[in-house]
C-alpha atoms as a PDB file:
ATOM      1  CA  MET A   1     125.018 -84.478 124.210  1.00  0.00           C
ATOM      2  CA  GLU A   2     126.230 -87.861 124.959  1.00  0.00           C
ATOM      3  CA  ARG A   3     123.545 -90.858 124.816  1.00  0.00           C
ATOM      4  CA  SER A   4     123.083 -94.111 125.288  1.00  0.00           C
ATOM      5  CA  SER A   5     120.653 -96.711 126.449  1.00  0.00           C
ATOM      6  CA  ASN A   6     120.677 -96.135 129.785  1.00  0.00           C
ATOM      7  CA  SER A   7     123.090 -92.858 130.286  1.00  0.00           C
ATOM      8  CA  TYR A   8     122.980 -88.786 129.131  1.00  0.00           C
ATOM      9  CA  VAL A   9     125.815 -86.199 129.658  1.00  0.00           C
ATOM     10  CA  THR A  10     125.532 -82.685 128.616  1.00  0.00           C
ATOM     11  CA  THR A  11     126.489 -79.845 129.504  1.00  0.00           C
ATOM     12  CA  LEU A  12     124.154 -77.062 131.827  1.00  0.00           C
ATOM     13  CA  PRO A  13     125.636 -73.394 132.237  1.00  0.00           C
ATOM     14  CA  LEU A  14     125.985 -72.890 136.203  1.00  0.00           C
ATOM     15  CA  SER A  15     123.367 -70.386 136.212  1.00  0.00           C
ATOM     16  CA  GLN A  16     120.707 -73.174 136.078  1.00  0.00           C
ATOM     17  CA  ALA A  17     122.159 -75.304 138.848  1.00  0.00           C
ATOM     18  CA  ASP A  18     119.506 -73.805 141.318  1.00  0.00           C
ATOM     19  CA  GLN A  19     116.819 -74.399 138.670  1.00  0.00           C
ATOM     20  CA  LEU A  20     117.591 -77.574 138.753  1.00  0.00           C
ATOM     21  CA  LYS A  21     118.622 -78.808 141.950  1.00  0.00           C
ATOM     22  CA  LYS A  22     115.103 -77.650 143.377  1.00  0.00           C
ATOM     23  CA  VAL A  23     113.238 -79.299 140.629  1.00  0.00           C
ATOM     24  CA  LEU A  24     115.164 -82.294 141.797  1.00  0.00           C
ATOM     25  CA  ILE A  25     114.202 -81.579 145.518  1.00  0.00           C
ATOM     26  CA  ASP A  26     110.371 -81.259 143.770  1.00  0.00           C
ATOM     27  CA  GLN A  27     110.509 -84.637 141.930  1.00  0.00           C
ATOM     28  CA  GLY A  28     111.642 -86.511 145.704  1.00  0.00           C
ATOM     29  CA  CYS A  29     115.485 -87.044 144.592  1.00  0.00           C
ATOM     30  CA  GLU A  30     117.943 -86.436 147.565  1.00  0.00           C
ATOM     31  CA  ILE A  31     120.809 -83.924 147.460  1.00  0.00           C
ATOM     32  CA  ALA A  32     124.238 -84.935 148.450  1.00  0.00           C
ATOM     33  CA  ARG A  33     127.779 -83.242 147.642  1.00  0.00           C
ATOM     34  CA  PRO A  34     130.090 -85.608 146.485  1.00  0.00           C
ATOM     35  CA  PRO A  35     134.024 -84.025 145.468  1.00  0.00           C
ATOM     36  CA  HIS A  36     134.108 -81.802 142.190  1.00  0.00           C
ATOM     37  CA  THR A  37     130.664 -80.867 141.647  1.00  0.00           C
ATOM     38  CA  LEU A  38     127.383 -78.669 142.516  1.00  0.00           C
ATOM     39  CA  PHE A  39     125.504 -82.011 143.341  1.00  0.00           C
ATOM     40  CA  SER A  40     124.084 -85.440 143.083  1.00  0.00           C
ATOM     41  CA  ALA A  41     120.139 -86.243 143.004  1.00  0.00           C
ATOM     42  CA  LYS A  42     119.042 -89.431 143.425  1.00  0.00           C
ATOM     43  CA  LYS A  43     115.680 -91.652 143.602  1.00  0.00           C
ATOM     44  CA  LYS A  44     114.219 -95.069 142.259  1.00  0.00           C
ATOM     45  CA  GLY A  45     115.937 -95.449 139.471  1.00  0.00           C
ATOM     46  CA  LEU A  46     117.135 -91.937 138.815  1.00  0.00           C
ATOM     47  CA  THR A  47     120.247 -90.015 139.316  1.00  0.00           C
ATOM     48  CA  CYS A  48     121.636 -86.548 138.187  1.00  0.00           C
ATOM     49  CA  THR A  49     124.811 -85.449 138.825  1.00  0.00           C
ATOM     50  CA  LEU A  50     125.913 -81.805 137.695  1.00  0.00           C
ATOM     51  CA  TYR A  51     129.449 -81.282 137.871  1.00  0.00           C
ATOM     52  CA  GLU A  52     131.531 -78.226 138.484  1.00  0.00           C
ATOM     53  CA  SER A  53     132.559 -77.721 135.015  1.00  0.00           C
ATOM     54  CA  GLY A  54     129.091 -77.961 134.255  1.00  0.00           C
ATOM     55  CA  LYS A  55     128.690 -81.456 132.760  1.00  0.00           C
ATOM     56  CA  LEU A  56     125.576 -82.992 133.614  1.00  0.00           C
ATOM     57  CA  VAL A  57     124.896 -86.997 133.206  1.00  0.00           C
ATOM     58  CA  ILE A  58     121.574 -88.512 133.774  1.00  0.00           C
ATOM     59  CA  GLN A  59     121.261 -92.192 134.527  1.00  0.00           C
ATOM     60  CA  GLY A  60     118.542 -94.574 135.408  1.00  0.00           C
ATOM     61  CA  LYS A  61     115.574 -96.643 134.116  1.00  0.00           C
ATOM     62  CA  GLU A  62     113.908 -93.219 134.608  1.00  0.00           C
ATOM     63  CA  LEU A  63     115.799 -91.640 132.284  1.00  0.00           C
ATOM     64  CA  ASP A  64     113.663 -90.556 129.276  1.00  0.00           C
ATOM     65  CA  ALA A  65     110.305 -90.327 131.100  1.00  0.00           C
ATOM     66  CA  PHE A  66     112.672 -87.509 133.310  1.00  0.00           C
ATOM     67  CA  ILE A  67     114.689 -85.823 130.007  1.00  0.00           C
ATOM     68  CA  GLU A  68     111.190 -85.590 128.283  1.00  0.00           C
ATOM     69  CA  PHE A  69     108.876 -84.449 130.929  1.00  0.00           C
ATOM     70  CA  VAL A  70     111.004 -82.547 133.641  1.00  0.00           C
ATOM     71  CA  LEU A  71     114.498 -81.465 132.007  1.00  0.00           C
ATOM     72  CA  GLU A  72     113.693 -80.054 128.003  1.00  0.00           C
ATOM     73  CA  PRO A  73     110.980 -78.466 128.686  1.00  0.00           C
ATOM     74  CA  GLU A  74     111.388 -76.451 132.062  1.00  0.00           C
ATOM     75  CA  ILE A  75     114.838 -76.626 132.227  1.00  0.00           C
ATOM     76  CA  LEU A  76     116.835 -76.923 128.968  1.00  0.00           C
ATOM     77  CA  GLY A  77     113.762 -75.022 126.475  1.00  0.00           C
ATOM     78  CA  HIS A  78     115.063 -77.362 123.447  1.00  0.00           C
ATOM     79  CA  CYS A  79     113.842 -80.981 122.776  1.00  0.00           C
ATOM     80  CA  ASP A  80     117.216 -82.558 121.515  1.00  0.00           C
ATOM     81  CA  TYR A  81     117.003 -85.692 123.219  1.00  0.00           C
ATOM     82  CA  THR A  82     113.569 -86.729 122.753  1.00  0.00           C
ATOM     83  CA  TYR A  83     113.452 -85.918 119.210  1.00  0.00           C
ATOM     84  CA  ALA A  84     116.917 -86.818 117.949  1.00  0.00           C
ATOM     85  CA  GLU A  85     115.525 -89.779 115.557  1.00  0.00           C
ATOM     86  CA  LEU A  86     112.134 -88.336 114.910  1.00  0.00           C
ATOM     87  CA  LYS A  87     111.239 -88.588 111.325  1.00  0.00           C
ATOM     88  CA  ILE A  88     109.137 -85.598 110.412  1.00  0.00           C
ATOM     89  CA  ASP A  89     106.095 -86.096 107.583  1.00  0.00           C
ATOM     90  CA  GLN A  90     106.794 -82.929 106.212  1.00  0.00           C
ATOM     91  CA  THR A  91     103.512 -84.038 104.085  1.00  0.00           C
ATOM     92  CA  PRO A  92     100.817 -80.510 103.938  1.00  0.00           C
ATOM     93  CA  HIS A  93      97.937 -82.136 106.264  1.00  0.00           C
ATOM     94  CA  ILE A  94      95.493 -81.224 108.634  1.00  0.00           C
ATOM     95  CA  GLY A  95      96.113 -82.156 112.458  1.00  0.00           C
ATOM     96  CA  ILE A  96      92.896 -82.637 114.849  1.00  0.00           C
ATOM     97  CA  ASP A  97      92.762 -82.769 118.833  1.00  0.00           C
ATOM     98  CA  GLU A  98      90.748 -82.542 121.495  1.00  0.00           C
ATOM     99  CA  SER A  99      90.497 -81.707 125.353  1.00  0.00           C
ATOM    100  CA  GLY A 100      87.914 -81.517 127.622  1.00  0.00           C
ATOM    101  CA  LYS A 101      86.053 -84.860 126.763  1.00  0.00           C
ATOM    102  CA  GLY A 102      87.488 -86.132 130.463  1.00  0.00           C
ATOM    103  CA  ASP A 103      87.339 -83.070 133.043  1.00  0.00           C
ATOM    104  CA  PHE A 104      83.874 -82.293 134.828  1.00  0.00           C
ATOM    105  CA  PHE A 105      84.072 -78.818 134.381  1.00  0.00           C
ATOM    106  CA  GLY A 106      84.390 -76.598 131.491  1.00  0.00           C
ATOM    107  CA  PRO A 107      83.858 -77.215 128.247  1.00  0.00           C
ATOM    108  CA  LEU A 108      84.738 -79.513 125.184  1.00  0.00           C
ATOM    109  CA  CYS A 109      87.254 -77.669 122.847  1.00  0.00           C
ATOM    110  CA  ILE A 110      88.302 -79.488 119.182  1.00  0.00           C
ATOM    111  CA  ALA A 111      91.361 -77.598 117.676  1.00  0.00           C
ATOM    112  CA  GLY A 112      92.613 -78.282 114.609  1.00  0.00           C
ATOM    113  CA  VAL A 113      96.430 -77.054 112.754  1.00  0.00           C
ATOM    114  CA  TYR A 114      97.555 -76.834 109.231  1.00  0.00           C
ATOM    115  CA  ALA A 115     100.773 -77.061 107.948  1.00  0.00           C
ATOM    116  CA  SER A 116     103.103 -78.419 105.325  1.00  0.00           C
ATOM    117  CA  GLY A 117     106.738 -79.089 104.577  1.00  0.00           C
ATOM    118  CA  PRO A 118     109.661 -76.184 106.242  1.00  0.00           C
ATOM    119  CA  ASP A 119     106.103 -75.398 108.520  1.00  0.00           C
ATOM    120  CA  ILE A 120     106.286 -78.687 110.256  1.00  0.00           C
ATOM    121  CA  LEU A 121     109.925 -78.650 110.710  1.00  0.00           C
ATOM    122  CA  LYS A 122     109.329 -75.169 112.667  1.00  0.00           C
ATOM    123  CA  LEU A 123     106.533 -76.711 114.488  1.00  0.00           C
ATOM    124  CA  HIS A 124     109.716 -79.352 115.368  1.00  0.00           C
ATOM    125  CA  GLN A 125     111.878 -75.670 116.202  1.00  0.00           C
ATOM    126  CA  LEU A 126     109.294 -73.899 118.908  1.00  0.00           C
ATOM    127  CA  GLY A 127     109.380 -77.765 120.969  1.00  0.00           C
ATOM    128  CA  VAL A 128     106.013 -78.479 120.104  1.00  0.00           C
ATOM    129  CA  ARG A 129     104.358 -81.554 121.945  1.00  0.00           C
ATOM    130  CA  ASP A 130     102.069 -83.557 123.418  1.00  0.00           C
ATOM    131  CA  SER A 131     100.625 -80.892 125.125  1.00  0.00           C
ATOM    132  CA  LYS A 132      99.813 -83.700 128.198  1.00  0.00           C
ATOM    133  CA  THR A 133     103.190 -83.869 128.592  1.00  0.00           C
ATOM    134  CA  MET A 134     104.000 -79.722 129.276  1.00  0.00           C
ATOM    135  CA  THR A 135     103.818 -77.401 131.497  1.00  0.00           C
ATOM    136  CA  ALA A 136     101.308 -74.960 131.560  1.00  0.00           C
ATOM    137  CA  ASN A 137     103.398 -72.228 130.602  1.00  0.00           C
ATOM    138  CA  ASN A 138     104.905 -74.512 127.875  1.00  0.00           C
ATOM    139  CA  ILE A 139     101.524 -74.620 127.012  1.00  0.00           C
ATOM    140  CA  ARG A 140     100.319 -71.091 127.047  1.00  0.00           C
ATOM    141  CA  LYS A 141     103.982 -69.382 125.177  1.00  0.00           C
ATOM    142  CA  LEU A 142     103.704 -72.127 121.948  1.00  0.00           C
ATOM    143  CA  SER A 143      99.796 -71.453 122.082  1.00  0.00           C
ATOM    144  CA  ALA A 144     100.128 -67.989 121.034  1.00  0.00           C
ATOM    145  CA  ALA A 145     103.213 -68.806 118.848  1.00  0.00           C
ATOM    146  CA  ILE A 146     100.708 -71.100 116.403  1.00  0.00           C
ATOM    147  CA  ARG A 147      97.809 -69.002 116.654  1.00  0.00           C
ATOM    148  CA  LYS A 148     100.016 -66.434 115.311  1.00  0.00           C
ATOM    149  CA  ASP A 149     102.100 -67.871 111.914  1.00  0.00           C
ATOM    150  CA  PHE A 150      99.810 -71.254 111.528  1.00  0.00           C
ATOM    151  CA  ALA A 151      96.670 -71.688 110.036  1.00  0.00           C
ATOM    152  CA  HIS A 152      93.890 -73.051 112.512  1.00  0.00           C
ATOM    153  CA  HIS A 153      90.347 -73.620 113.888  1.00  0.00           C
ATOM    154  CA  ILE A 154      88.961 -74.159 117.029  1.00  0.00           C
ATOM    155  CA  VAL A 155      84.872 -75.465 118.459  1.00  0.00           C
ATOM    156  CA  LYS A 156      84.639 -74.774 121.781  1.00  0.00           C
ATOM    157  CA  ILE A 157      81.283 -76.134 123.212  1.00  0.00           C
ATOM    158  CA  ASN A 158      80.632 -74.332 126.177  1.00  0.00           C
ATOM    159  CA  PRO A 159      78.651 -76.483 128.503  1.00  0.00           C
ATOM    160  CA  ALA A 160      75.445 -75.664 128.216  1.00  0.00           C
ATOM    161  CA  LYS A 161      75.385 -76.302 124.590  1.00  0.00           C
ATOM    162  CA  TYR A 162      77.609 -79.290 125.319  1.00  0.00           C
ATOM    163  CA  ASN A 163      75.146 -81.047 127.516  1.00  0.00           C
ATOM    164  CA  GLU A 164      72.066 -80.087 124.616  1.00  0.00           C
ATOM    165  CA  LEU A 165      74.696 -81.438 122.149  1.00  0.00           C
ATOM    166  CA  HIS A 166      75.193 -85.061 124.013  1.00  0.00           C
ATOM    167  CA  GLN A 167      71.595 -85.498 124.787  1.00  0.00           C
ATOM    168  CA  LYS A 168      70.943 -84.771 120.922  1.00  0.00           C
ATOM    169  CA  PHE A 169      73.719 -87.291 119.253  1.00  0.00           C
ATOM    170  CA  GLY A 170      73.290 -89.931 122.659  1.00  0.00           C
ATOM    171  CA  ASN A 171      76.820 -90.312 123.551  1.00  0.00           C
ATOM    172  CA  LEU A 172      79.907 -88.474 123.315  1.00  0.00           C
ATOM    173  CA  ASN A 173      81.503 -90.769 120.760  1.00  0.00           C
ATOM    174  CA  HIS A 174      79.061 -88.907 118.395  1.00  0.00           C
ATOM    175  CA  LEU A 175      79.485 -85.433 119.699  1.00  0.00           C
ATOM    176  CA  LEU A 176      82.921 -85.315 119.379  1.00  0.00           C
ATOM    177  CA  ALA A 177      82.742 -86.460 115.812  1.00  0.00           C
ATOM    178  CA  TRP A 178      80.546 -83.598 115.081  1.00  0.00           C
ATOM    179  CA  GLY A 179      83.277 -81.634 116.534  1.00  0.00           C
ATOM    180  CA  HIS A 180      85.648 -82.440 114.842  1.00  0.00           C
ATOM    181  CA  ALA A 181      83.887 -82.882 111.619  1.00  0.00           C
ATOM    182  CA  THR A 182      83.289 -79.545 111.968  1.00  0.00           C
ATOM    183  CA  THR A 183      86.776 -78.646 112.675  1.00  0.00           C
ATOM    184  CA  ILE A 184      88.013 -80.454 109.885  1.00  0.00           C
ATOM    185  CA  GLU A 185      85.440 -78.825 107.617  1.00  0.00           C
ATOM    186  CA  ASN A 186      86.890 -75.105 108.662  1.00  0.00           C
ATOM    187  CA  LEU A 187      90.456 -75.864 107.995  1.00  0.00           C
ATOM    188  CA  VAL A 188      89.767 -77.939 104.787  1.00  0.00           C
ATOM    189  CA  GLU A 189      87.604 -74.485 103.356  1.00  0.00           C
ATOM    190  CA  ALA A 190      90.674 -72.436 105.185  1.00  0.00           C
ATOM    191  CA  THR A 191      93.172 -73.873 103.242  1.00  0.00           C
ATOM    192  CA  GLY A 192      92.548 -76.173 100.533  1.00  0.00           C
ATOM    193  CA  CYS A 193      94.283 -79.480 102.075  1.00  0.00           C
ATOM    194  CA  ARG A 194      92.204 -82.960 102.698  1.00  0.00           C
ATOM    195  CA  GLU A 195      95.023 -84.407 104.243  1.00  0.00           C
ATOM    196  CA  VAL A 196      93.467 -85.177 107.833  1.00  0.00           C
ATOM    197  CA  THR A 197      95.153 -86.599 111.030  1.00  0.00           C
ATOM    198  CA  ILE A 198      93.409 -87.431 114.446  1.00  0.00           C
ATOM    199  CA  ASP A 199      93.805 -89.165 117.124  1.00  0.00           C
ATOM    200  CA  GLN A 200      91.366 -91.836 117.253  1.00  0.00           C
ATOM    201  CA  PHE A 201      89.121 -92.111 119.891  1.00  0.00           C
ATOM    202  CA  ALA A 202      86.070 -94.335 118.385  1.00  0.00           C
ATOM    203  CA  ALA A 203      85.424 -97.115 115.379  1.00  0.00           C
ATOM    204  CA  GLU A 204      86.919 -95.164 112.432  1.00  0.00           C
ATOM    205  CA  HIS A 205      83.280 -95.355 111.109  1.00  0.00           C
ATOM    206  CA  VAL A 206      82.230 -92.689 113.472  1.00  0.00           C
ATOM    207  CA  VAL A 207      83.710 -89.664 112.613  1.00  0.00           C
ATOM    208  CA  LEU A 208      83.622 -90.974 108.617  1.00  0.00           C
ATOM    209  CA  THR A 209      79.858 -91.027 109.076  1.00  0.00           C
ATOM    210  CA  ALA A 210      79.863 -87.090 110.537  1.00  0.00           C
ATOM    211  CA  LEU A 211      82.085 -86.348 107.764  1.00  0.00           C
ATOM    212  CA  LYS A 212      79.697 -87.479 105.118  1.00  0.00           C
ATOM    213  CA  ARG A 213      76.905 -85.538 106.765  1.00  0.00           C
ATOM    214  CA  LYS A 214      78.753 -82.626 105.731  1.00  0.00           C
ATOM    215  CA  ASN A 215      78.985 -83.979 102.091  1.00  0.00           C
ATOM    216  CA  LEU A 216      82.745 -83.113 103.017  1.00  0.00           C
ATOM    217  CA  GLU A 217      85.446 -85.764 101.763  1.00  0.00           C
ATOM    218  CA  VAL A 218      88.868 -86.559 102.625  1.00  0.00           C
ATOM    219  CA  ALA A 219      92.021 -88.117 102.955  1.00  0.00           C
ATOM    220  CA  LEU A 220      91.127 -89.043 107.215  1.00  0.00           C
ATOM    221  CA  SER A 221      94.536 -91.223 109.217  1.00  0.00           C
ATOM    222  CA  GLN A 222      92.660 -92.208 112.749  1.00  0.00           C
ATOM    223  CA  ARG A 223      95.358 -93.644 114.849  1.00  0.00           C
ATOM    224  CA  HIS A 224      96.309 -94.005 118.576  1.00  0.00           C
ATOM    225  CA  ARG A 225      98.979 -91.690 119.914  1.00  0.00           C
ATOM    226  CA  ALA A 226      98.625 -89.548 117.292  1.00  0.00           C
ATOM    227  CA  GLU A 227      99.755 -86.894 119.243  1.00  0.00           C
ATOM    228  CA  GLU A 228     103.462 -88.104 118.350  1.00  0.00           C
ATOM    229  CA  ASP A 229     102.613 -86.555 114.682  1.00  0.00           C
ATOM    230  CA  LEU A 230     103.350 -82.949 115.089  1.00  0.00           C
ATOM    231  CA  VAL A 231     100.635 -81.022 114.007  1.00  0.00           C
ATOM    232  CA  VAL A 232      97.888 -82.915 116.078  1.00  0.00           C
ATOM    233  CA  ALA A 233     100.350 -81.920 119.058  1.00  0.00           C
ATOM    234  CA  ALA A 234     100.003 -78.586 117.532  1.00  0.00           C
ATOM    235  CA  ALA A 235      96.327 -79.126 117.903  1.00  0.00           C
ATOM    236  CA  SER A 236      96.382 -80.424 121.046  1.00  0.00           C
ATOM    237  CA  ILE A 237      98.324 -77.369 122.383  1.00  0.00           C
ATOM    238  CA  LEU A 238      95.679 -75.221 120.967  1.00  0.00           C
ATOM    239  CA  ALA A 239      92.590 -77.004 122.542  1.00  0.00           C
ATOM    240  CA  ARG A 240      94.414 -77.045 126.514  1.00  0.00           C
ATOM    241  CA  GLN A 241      94.443 -73.188 126.075  1.00  0.00           C
ATOM    242  CA  MET A 242      91.937 -72.854 125.518  1.00  0.00           C
ATOM    243  CA  PHE A 243      90.297 -75.172 128.006  1.00  0.00           C
ATOM    244  CA  VAL A 244      92.085 -73.647 130.898  1.00  0.00           C
ATOM    245  CA  ASP A 245      91.333 -70.413 130.205  1.00  0.00           C
ATOM    246  CA  SER A 246      87.487 -71.184 129.645  1.00  0.00           C
ATOM    247  CA  LEU A 247      87.541 -73.195 132.764  1.00  0.00           C
ATOM    248  CA  ASP A 248      89.359 -70.166 134.200  1.00  0.00           C
ATOM    249  CA  LYS A 249      86.936 -67.784 133.321  1.00  0.00           C
ATOM    250  CA  LEU A 250      84.355 -70.032 134.682  1.00  0.00           C
ATOM    251  CA  SER A 251      86.059 -69.808 138.230  1.00  0.00           C
ATOM    252  CA  GLU A 252      86.226 -66.236 138.199  1.00  0.00           C
ATOM    253  CA  GLU A 253      82.448 -65.955 137.291  1.00  0.00           C
ATOM    254  CA  TYR A 254      81.514 -68.185 140.179  1.00  0.00           C
ATOM    255  CA  GLY A 255      84.035 -67.670 142.364  1.00  0.00           C
ATOM    256  CA  ILE A 256      84.977 -70.472 143.105  1.00  0.00           C
ATOM    257  CA  LYS A 257      87.784 -72.417 141.816  1.00  0.00           C
ATOM    258  CA  LEU A 258      86.967 -75.110 139.047  1.00  0.00           C
ATOM    259  CA  PRO A 259      89.339 -77.570 139.139  1.00  0.00           C
ATOM    260  CA  LYS A 260      90.328 -81.003 136.332  1.00  0.00           C
ATOM    261  CA  GLY A 261      89.636 -83.913 135.832  1.00  0.00           C
ATOM    262  CA  ALA A 262      86.274 -85.721 137.936  1.00  0.00           C
ATOM    263  CA  SER A 263      88.095 -86.026 141.058  1.00  0.00           C
ATOM    264  CA  SER A 264      86.603 -85.839 144.851  1.00  0.00           C
ATOM    265  CA  VAL A 265      88.591 -82.374 144.808  1.00  0.00           C
ATOM    266  CA  VAL A 266      85.786 -81.743 141.799  1.00  0.00           C
ATOM    267  CA  ILE A 267      83.133 -83.227 143.382  1.00  0.00           C
ATOM    268  CA  GLU A 268      83.589 -80.644 146.716  1.00  0.00           C
ATOM    269  CA  ALA A 269      83.980 -77.931 144.471  1.00  0.00           C
ATOM    270  CA  ALA A 270      80.322 -78.443 142.863  1.00  0.00           C
ATOM    271  CA  LYS A 271      79.114 -78.967 146.722  1.00  0.00           C
ATOM    272  CA  GLN A 272      80.203 -75.786 146.885  1.00  0.00           C
ATOM    273  CA  LEU A 273      78.615 -74.446 144.140  1.00  0.00           C
ATOM    274  CA  VAL A 274      75.509 -75.678 144.712  1.00  0.00           C
ATOM    275  CA  ARG A 275      75.259 -74.679 147.908  1.00  0.00           C
ATOM    276  CA  LYS A 276      75.858 -71.042 146.360  1.00  0.00           C
ATOM    277  CA  PHE A 277      73.764 -70.891 143.367  1.00  0.00           C
ATOM    278  CA  GLY A 278      71.742 -73.725 143.825  1.00  0.00           C
ATOM    279  CA  THR A 279      71.657 -77.331 141.304  1.00  0.00           C
ATOM    280  CA  GLU A 280      70.447 -74.946 138.561  1.00  0.00           C
ATOM    281  CA  VAL A 281      73.848 -73.935 138.092  1.00  0.00           C
ATOM    282  CA  LEU A 282      75.673 -77.121 136.815  1.00  0.00           C
ATOM    283  CA  PRO A 283      74.083 -77.259 133.406  1.00  0.00           C
ATOM    284  CA  LYS A 284      75.635 -73.620 132.794  1.00  0.00           C
ATOM    285  CA  ILE A 285      79.034 -74.946 133.862  1.00  0.00           C
ATOM    286  CA  ALA A 286      79.699 -78.741 133.784  1.00  0.00           C
ATOM    287  CA  LYS A 287      78.780 -81.946 131.929  1.00  0.00           C
ATOM    288  CA  THR A 288      75.904 -83.345 133.277  1.00  0.00           C
ATOM    289  CA  HIS A 289      76.133 -87.015 132.551  1.00  0.00           C
ATOM    290  CA  PHE A 290      79.536 -88.034 133.885  1.00  0.00           C
ATOM    291  CA  LYS A 291      78.837 -90.174 136.996  1.00  0.00           C
ATOM    292  CA  THR A 292      80.225 -87.335 139.429  1.00  0.00           C
ATOM    293  CA  MET A 293      77.033 -85.973 139.106  1.00  0.00           C
ATOM    294  CA  GLN A 294      75.566 -88.505 141.160  1.00  0.00           C
ATOM    295  CA  ALA A 295      77.748 -87.791 143.917  1.00  0.00           C
ATOM    296  CA  VAL A 296      77.168 -84.011 144.350  1.00  0.00           C
ATOM    297  CA  LEU A 297      73.576 -84.448 144.123  1.00  0.00           C
END
């Protein structure tokens, strides 16, 4: 592997050439075949050329994003480029992250993972990263590996309970803080670790207050983009997989595919559910304080 500020060179097994070509076409690239190449793919900001020798050259201002979000997770299966300069903190700690807070349908899932020393390096070797940058297939595989080998805890707040708690707490941040504190409490009890890192979602005092209510003292680090921490990233993977699995189960139960997010597609799916089951179905499957609710009704 060779890298510079605007190019990346590696070797790709020729058996993966067709797979890479398909991915590049899906990314909107135009395909050509200059001499001595299997193909060259181009779009604005990105050029990928695979030579007959297996040498792969990637250039352009979109190079980093393509390698991190597409090439490594979908083709290469390792993160040598993305993590080449990563300084891994091996201090034992708990990482917390959540999934589902921006999705109209489905639960809010808050996950925590504990890791230390060599186990944090193992997360790196597994290819753990922020779940928002990973494919569904990789999230599923890594979630199983993390559950198997790492201390973890997940708080899943299904829609009916979520709506009840949201009304009780008065806003989403206080509900999130309660979920974070509950996850932290369980992992502190299980591991004895009191070093905790979370992705900051509100003013620092919000989570600290929730912890104080549980008489729980920890060394809490609240950071923006905390998913850059491998243990927080592992938690993000568990939270995301739990959310996706739960949404799939709800879709199966009600016979209508429930989309992620809060878009016009989500609104249409909600209207179908109302036509089929009546408005009383919504608190069972959706977060009713969302503005999406007004568009549905």
